[in-house]
Amino acid sequence: MNNLTPVPEPMPEEYKPSRMQALRRYNISIKFLDRGVMVTVGCKEIAYETVSSFMKSFEVYMGDPYKIQGEWEKFFNEQDQTK
């Protein structure tokens, strides 16, 4: 009698670009204003009230751009659907 148990095949890992590939994905323009910062990422603009709040966000972005891009894309897609 055959007592073999089937072994599931491993799931392929999701493709994740390198940090540099993720950073090249969007053009980023930073404009420092009298009060705050205006950042253009691709075709979207993000306003920051203070330079320090922008710098905190930018440091997080630089740490893992692929993850943060995914979060922002999800946010913008949800915003577009509510219009």
Protein backbone atom coordinates (compact mmCIF):
# COMPACT_ATOMS: atom_id res chain seq x y z
CA MET A 1 0.00 0.00 0.00
CA ASN A 2 1.22 3.49 -0.89
CA ASN A 3 1.45 5.82 2.17
CA LEU A 4 2.86 8.85 0.36
CA THR A 5 1.55 12.27 1.31
CA PRO A 6 1.41 14.86 -1.47
CA VAL A 7 3.74 17.80 -0.93
CA PRO A 8 2.42 21.17 -2.13
CA GLU A 9 4.57 22.97 -4.65
CA PRO A 10 6.26 26.09 -3.29
CA MET A 11 4.62 29.37 -4.25
CA PRO A 12 6.75 31.51 -6.55
CA GLU A 13 8.03 34.63 -4.84
CA GLU A 14 6.54 37.94 -5.91
CA TYR A 15 8.90 39.98 -8.05
CA LYS A 16 10.41 42.88 -6.13
CA PRO A 17 12.67 45.29 -7.98
CA SER A 18 15.92 46.43 -6.45
CA ARG A 19 15.93 49.68 -4.51
CA MET A 20 17.56 51.51 -7.43
CA GLN A 21 15.06 50.09 -9.93
CA ALA A 22 12.20 51.25 -7.71
CA LEU A 23 13.73 54.72 -7.34
CA ARG A 24 13.99 55.05 -11.14
CA ARG A 25 10.33 54.16 -11.58
CA TYR A 26 8.99 57.70 -11.03
CA ASN A 27 10.42 61.15 -11.61
CA ILE A 28 10.35 63.15 -8.40
CA SER A 29 10.40 66.96 -8.30
CA ILE A 30 10.75 68.78 -5.01
CA LYS A 31 9.78 72.43 -4.75
CA PHE A 32 10.53 74.24 -1.50
CA LEU A 33 7.98 76.99 -0.87
CA ASP A 34 7.81 79.87 1.62
CA ARG A 35 5.70 77.58 3.79
CA GLY A 36 6.13 73.90 3.15
CA VAL A 37 7.09 71.70 0.24
CA MET A 38 5.33 70.61 -2.96
CA VAL A 39 6.45 67.22 -4.26
CA THR A 40 5.52 65.89 -7.69
CA VAL A 41 5.80 62.12 -8.09
CA GLY A 42 4.93 60.99 -11.59
CA CYS A 43 1.67 62.82 -12.34
CA LYS A 44 0.58 63.30 -8.71
CA GLU A 45 1.36 66.21 -6.40
CA ILE A 46 1.73 65.93 -2.64
CA ALA A 47 1.82 69.00 -0.38
CA TYR A 48 3.64 69.10 2.94
CA GLU A 49 3.02 71.89 5.43
CA THR A 50 6.57 71.80 6.78
CA VAL A 51 10.00 70.86 5.53
CA SER A 52 10.47 68.55 8.53
CA SER A 53 7.30 66.56 7.73
CA PHE A 54 8.51 66.19 4.14
CA MET A 55 11.96 65.06 5.26
CA LYS A 56 10.50 62.38 7.55
CA SER A 57 8.37 61.02 4.69
CA PHE A 58 11.26 61.21 2.24
CA GLU A 59 13.57 59.24 4.56
CA VAL A 60 10.94 56.48 4.84
CA TYR A 61 10.52 56.50 1.06
CA MET A 62 14.26 56.22 0.46
CA GLY A 63 14.45 53.29 2.91
CA ASP A 64 11.99 51.11 0.95
CA PRO A 65 10.72 52.88 -2.18
CA TYR A 66 8.95 49.81 -3.58
CA LYS A 67 6.82 49.38 -0.46
CA ILE A 68 5.98 53.08 -0.18
CA GLN A 69 5.14 53.32 -3.90
CA GLY A 70 2.65 50.48 -3.43
CA GLU A 71 1.04 52.24 -0.47
CA TRP A 72 0.74 55.52 -2.37
CA GLU A 73 -0.62 53.81 -5.50
CA LYS A 74 -3.28 52.11 -3.39
CA PHE A 75 -4.16 55.44 -1.73
CA PHE A 76 -4.39 57.34 -5.03
CA ASN A 77 -6.43 54.56 -6.68
CA GLU A 78 -8.92 54.64 -3.79
CA GLN A 79 -9.13 58.44 -4.08
CA ASP A 80 -9.72 58.24 -7.84
CA GLN A 81 -12.55 55.73 -7.33
CA THR A 82 -14.40 58.02 -4.90
CA LYS A 83 -14.55 60.86 -7.43
